Amino acid sequence: MNNILINKEYRTRKITKGELHQILSKMLDFLGLDNVEISLSLVDDKVIRELNREWRGKDKPTDVLSFPAGEVPGYKYRVLGDIIVSVPYTDRQARELAVPFKEELVRLIAHGLLHLLGYDHERSEKDAKIMFDKQEKLIKHIIKQ
């Protein structure tokens, strides 16, 4: 059993907390992860810009940020960390890519989750291929259901 925490700081009717929980649950199952804790927060561009500036030194909004957690001795879950997604950024990107909002959000959640698991597309081309191949499989698993 996994512990999935959903925080909708940015209110949107385009997706519910229940749908977000279901998306993450299916992703964790697909990846064979059990007994983990993860949080997902939906925020606005201002919040994600502040986080991006503070933690990555980039003073601009972005689509998704991931914050892996460290070891928590004695806790019943393996804590993966936090995924933060900007809803307005996601909405703009979805329109630019001509894809539904939910599909773009699934892509960003998958991307953030893979970063929490140690995948990093910025290390090398080989690592990028591995991560993006895994990301596409996750997206297809969620979207086609």
C-alpha atoms as a PDB file:
ATOM      1  CA  MET A   1       0.000   0.000   0.000  1.00  0.00           C
ATOM      2  CA  ASN A   2       1.298   3.439  -0.941  1.00  0.00           C
ATOM      3  CA  ASN A   3       0.740   6.795   0.720  1.00  0.00           C
ATOM      4  CA  ILE A   4      -0.079   9.419  -1.926  1.00  0.00           C
ATOM      5  CA  LEU A   5      -0.515  13.006  -0.787  1.00  0.00           C
ATOM      6  CA  ILE A   6      -2.240  15.470  -3.122  1.00  0.00           C
ATOM      7  CA  ASN A   7      -2.148  19.232  -2.551  1.00  0.00           C
ATOM      8  CA  LYS A   8      -4.118  21.458  -4.921  1.00  0.00           C
ATOM      9  CA  GLU A   9      -2.825  24.913  -3.976  1.00  0.00           C
ATOM     10  CA  TYR A  10      -3.950  26.007  -7.429  1.00  0.00           C
ATOM     11  CA  ARG A  11      -7.603  25.200  -7.879  1.00  0.00           C
ATOM     12  CA  THR A  12      -8.608  23.818 -11.243  1.00  0.00           C
ATOM     13  CA  ARG A  13     -11.684  21.973 -12.414  1.00  0.00           C
ATOM     14  CA  LYS A  14      -9.702  20.284 -15.173  1.00  0.00           C
ATOM     15  CA  ILE A  15      -8.687  17.454 -12.831  1.00  0.00           C
ATOM     16  CA  THR A  16      -9.766  16.250  -9.409  1.00  0.00           C
ATOM     17  CA  LYS A  17      -7.724  15.102  -6.439  1.00  0.00           C
ATOM     18  CA  GLY A  18      -9.193  11.648  -6.988  1.00  0.00           C
ATOM     19  CA  GLU A  19      -7.977  11.564 -10.593  1.00  0.00           C
ATOM     20  CA  LEU A  20      -4.519  12.737  -9.521  1.00  0.00           C
ATOM     21  CA  HIS A  21      -4.394  10.036  -6.852  1.00  0.00           C
ATOM     22  CA  GLN A  22      -5.443   7.426  -9.404  1.00  0.00           C
ATOM     23  CA  ILE A  23      -2.788   8.568 -11.911  1.00  0.00           C
ATOM     24  CA  LEU A  24       0.006   8.349  -9.348  1.00  0.00           C
ATOM     25  CA  SER A  25      -1.284   5.046  -7.993  1.00  0.00           C
ATOM     26  CA  LYS A  26      -1.279   3.500 -11.482  1.00  0.00           C
ATOM     27  CA  MET A  27       2.221   4.831 -12.154  1.00  0.00           C
ATOM     28  CA  LEU A  28       3.578   3.413  -8.907  1.00  0.00           C
ATOM     29  CA  ASP A  29       1.926   0.038  -9.644  1.00  0.00           C
ATOM     30  CA  PHE A  30       3.304   0.029 -13.193  1.00  0.00           C
ATOM     31  CA  LEU A  31       6.803   0.659 -11.805  1.00  0.00           C
ATOM     32  CA  GLY A  32       6.380  -2.079  -9.197  1.00  0.00           C
ATOM     33  CA  LEU A  33       6.646   0.344  -6.294  1.00  0.00           C
ATOM     34  CA  ASP A  34       4.899  -0.557  -3.079  1.00  0.00           C
ATOM     35  CA  ASN A  35       5.025   0.880   0.418  1.00  0.00           C
ATOM     36  CA  VAL A  36       6.209   4.288  -0.785  1.00  0.00           C
ATOM     37  CA  GLU A  37       5.105   7.815   0.060  1.00  0.00           C
ATOM     38  CA  ILE A  38       4.957  10.598  -2.510  1.00  0.00           C
ATOM     39  CA  SER A  39       3.400  14.033  -2.625  1.00  0.00           C
ATOM     40  CA  LEU A  40       2.092  15.970  -5.594  1.00  0.00           C
ATOM     41  CA  SER A  41       1.327  19.679  -5.400  1.00  0.00           C
ATOM     42  CA  LEU A  42      -0.419  21.743  -8.057  1.00  0.00           C
ATOM     43  CA  VAL A  43       0.681  25.374  -7.868  1.00  0.00           C
ATOM     44  CA  ASP A  44       0.695  28.573  -9.912  1.00  0.00           C
ATOM     45  CA  ASP A  45       3.572  30.103 -11.897  1.00  0.00           C
ATOM     46  CA  LYS A  46       4.544  32.432  -9.040  1.00  0.00           C
ATOM     47  CA  VAL A  47       5.098  29.602  -6.561  1.00  0.00           C
ATOM     48  CA  ILE A  48       7.008  27.399  -8.996  1.00  0.00           C
ATOM     49  CA  ARG A  49       9.133  30.368 -10.093  1.00  0.00           C
ATOM     50  CA  GLU A  50      10.120  31.036  -6.471  1.00  0.00           C
ATOM     51  CA  LEU A  51      11.007  27.364  -5.953  1.00  0.00           C
ATOM     52  CA  ASN A  52      12.932  27.233  -9.236  1.00  0.00           C
ATOM     53  CA  ARG A  53      14.886  30.349  -8.256  1.00  0.00           C
ATOM     54  CA  GLU A  54      15.625  29.120  -4.730  1.00  0.00           C
ATOM     55  CA  TRP A  55      16.579  25.519  -5.542  1.00  0.00           C
ATOM     56  CA  ARG A  56      17.903  25.666  -9.108  1.00  0.00           C
ATOM     57  CA  GLY A  57      19.061  29.270  -9.441  1.00  0.00           C
ATOM     58  CA  LYS A  58      16.707  29.824 -12.402  1.00  0.00           C
ATOM     59  CA  ASP A  59      14.508  32.901 -11.994  1.00  0.00           C
ATOM     60  CA  LYS A  60      11.634  31.791 -14.211  1.00  0.00           C
ATOM     61  CA  PRO A  61       8.591  29.568 -13.985  1.00  0.00           C
ATOM     62  CA  THR A  62       8.874  25.973 -15.135  1.00  0.00           C
ATOM     63  CA  ASP A  63       6.464  23.112 -15.678  1.00  0.00           C
ATOM     64  CA  VAL A  64       7.558  20.585 -13.041  1.00  0.00           C
ATOM     65  CA  LEU A  65      10.033  20.328 -10.183  1.00  0.00           C
ATOM     66  CA  SER A  66      10.993  17.240  -8.192  1.00  0.00           C
ATOM     67  CA  PHE A  67      12.440  17.140  -4.714  1.00  0.00           C
ATOM     68  CA  PRO A  68      13.702  13.673  -3.765  1.00  0.00           C
ATOM     69  CA  ALA A  69      13.503  12.808  -0.085  1.00  0.00           C
ATOM     70  CA  GLY A  70      16.259  11.329   1.953  1.00  0.00           C
ATOM     71  CA  GLU A  71      16.180   8.216   4.075  1.00  0.00           C
ATOM     72  CA  VAL A  72      13.646   8.317   6.929  1.00  0.00           C
ATOM     73  CA  PRO A  73      14.763   5.623   9.394  1.00  0.00           C
ATOM     74  CA  GLY A  74      11.952   3.796  11.149  1.00  0.00           C
ATOM     75  CA  TYR A  75       9.170   5.256   8.980  1.00  0.00           C
ATOM     76  CA  LYS A  76       6.792   2.673   7.527  1.00  0.00           C
ATOM     77  CA  TYR A  77       7.033   4.084   3.999  1.00  0.00           C
ATOM     78  CA  ARG A  78       9.967   4.636   1.679  1.00  0.00           C
ATOM     79  CA  VAL A  79       9.604   8.393   1.103  1.00  0.00           C
ATOM     80  CA  LEU A  80      10.205   9.224  -2.562  1.00  0.00           C
ATOM     81  CA  GLY A  81       9.718  12.981  -2.297  1.00  0.00           C
ATOM     82  CA  ASP A  82       7.668  15.783  -3.776  1.00  0.00           C
ATOM     83  CA  ILE A  83       6.519  16.637  -7.284  1.00  0.00           C
ATOM     84  CA  ILE A  84       5.442  20.242  -7.878  1.00  0.00           C
ATOM     85  CA  VAL A  85       3.539  21.109 -11.080  1.00  0.00           C
ATOM     86  CA  SER A  86       2.479  24.549 -12.306  1.00  0.00           C
ATOM     87  CA  VAL A  87      -1.082  24.307 -13.604  1.00  0.00           C
ATOM     88  CA  PRO A  88      -0.956  27.501 -15.730  1.00  0.00           C
ATOM     89  CA  TYR A  89       2.363  26.406 -17.279  1.00  0.00           C
ATOM     90  CA  THR A  90       0.925  22.954 -17.976  1.00  0.00           C
ATOM     91  CA  ASP A  91      -2.142  24.508 -19.572  1.00  0.00           C
ATOM     92  CA  ARG A  92      -0.026  26.717 -21.874  1.00  0.00           C
ATOM     93  CA  GLN A  93       2.229  23.800 -22.826  1.00  0.00           C
ATOM     94  CA  ALA A  94      -0.749  21.570 -23.596  1.00  0.00           C
ATOM     95  CA  ARG A  95      -2.162  24.200 -25.950  1.00  0.00           C
ATOM     96  CA  GLU A  96       1.244  24.713 -27.634  1.00  0.00           C
ATOM     97  CA  LEU A  97       1.648  20.963 -28.124  1.00  0.00           C
ATOM     98  CA  ALA A  98      -2.009  20.558 -29.149  1.00  0.00           C
ATOM     99  CA  VAL A  99      -2.616  17.843 -26.552  1.00  0.00           C
ATOM    100  CA  PRO A 100      -5.297  17.608 -23.877  1.00  0.00           C
ATOM    101  CA  PHE A 101      -4.464  19.213 -20.516  1.00  0.00           C
ATOM    102  CA  LYS A 102      -4.734  15.874 -18.701  1.00  0.00           C
ATOM    103  CA  GLU A 103      -2.281  14.198 -21.091  1.00  0.00           C
ATOM    104  CA  GLU A 104       0.286  16.952 -20.563  1.00  0.00           C
ATOM    105  CA  LEU A 105      -0.223  16.754 -16.807  1.00  0.00           C
ATOM    106  CA  VAL A 106       0.330  12.986 -16.899  1.00  0.00           C
ATOM    107  CA  ARG A 107       3.573  13.568 -18.821  1.00  0.00           C
ATOM    108  CA  LEU A 108       4.801  16.035 -16.214  1.00  0.00           C
ATOM    109  CA  ILE A 109       3.855  13.794 -13.288  1.00  0.00           C
ATOM    110  CA  ALA A 110       5.661  10.872 -14.947  1.00  0.00           C
ATOM    111  CA  HIS A 111       8.695  13.086 -15.560  1.00  0.00           C
ATOM    112  CA  GLY A 112       8.755  14.244 -11.946  1.00  0.00           C
ATOM    113  CA  LEU A 113       8.298  10.726 -10.609  1.00  0.00           C
ATOM    114  CA  LEU A 114      11.197   9.400 -12.671  1.00  0.00           C
ATOM    115  CA  HIS A 115      13.428  12.165 -11.324  1.00  0.00           C
ATOM    116  CA  LEU A 116      12.465  11.107  -7.793  1.00  0.00           C
ATOM    117  CA  LEU A 117      13.581   7.593  -8.685  1.00  0.00           C
ATOM    118  CA  GLY A 118      17.004   8.815  -9.786  1.00  0.00           C
ATOM    119  CA  TYR A 119      16.534   9.121 -13.537  1.00  0.00           C
ATOM    120  CA  ASP A 120      18.271  12.175 -14.989  1.00  0.00           C
ATOM    121  CA  HIS A 121      18.032  13.251 -18.625  1.00  0.00           C
ATOM    122  CA  GLU A 122      20.685  15.941 -18.116  1.00  0.00           C
ATOM    123  CA  ARG A 123      23.582  13.558 -17.317  1.00  0.00           C
ATOM    124  CA  SER A 124      24.062  12.130 -20.786  1.00  0.00           C
ATOM    125  CA  GLU A 125      22.277  11.297 -24.032  1.00  0.00           C
ATOM    126  CA  LYS A 126      22.152   7.652 -22.964  1.00  0.00           C
ATOM    127  CA  ASP A 127      20.521   8.566 -19.638  1.00  0.00           C
ATOM    128  CA  ALA A 128      18.082  10.871 -21.449  1.00  0.00           C
ATOM    129  CA  LYS A 129      17.031   8.057 -23.789  1.00  0.00           C
ATOM    130  CA  ILE A 130      16.513   5.675 -20.885  1.00  0.00           C
ATOM    131  CA  MET A 131      14.452   8.226 -18.947  1.00  0.00           C
ATOM    132  CA  PHE A 132      12.314   9.396 -21.859  1.00  0.00           C
ATOM    133  CA  ASP A 133      11.639   5.809 -23.014  1.00  0.00           C
ATOM    134  CA  LYS A 134      10.440   4.942 -19.501  1.00  0.00           C
ATOM    135  CA  GLN A 135       8.412   8.162 -19.393  1.00  0.00           C
ATOM    136  CA  GLU A 136       6.643   7.308 -22.662  1.00  0.00           C
ATOM    137  CA  LYS A 137       5.756   3.830 -21.361  1.00  0.00           C
ATOM    138  CA  LEU A 138       4.287   5.367 -18.215  1.00  0.00           C
ATOM    139  CA  ILE A 139       2.257   7.892 -20.212  1.00  0.00           C
ATOM    140  CA  LYS A 140       0.887   5.234 -22.553  1.00  0.00           C
ATOM    141  CA  HIS A 141      -0.024   3.041 -19.570  1.00  0.00           C
ATOM    142  CA  ILE A 142      -2.061   5.866 -18.015  1.00  0.00           C
ATOM    143  CA  ILE A 143      -3.577   7.526 -21.079  1.00  0.00           C
ATOM    144  CA  LYS A 144      -4.706   4.337 -22.796  1.00  0.00           C
ATOM    145  CA  GLN A 145      -6.646   3.109 -19.767  1.00  0.00           C
END
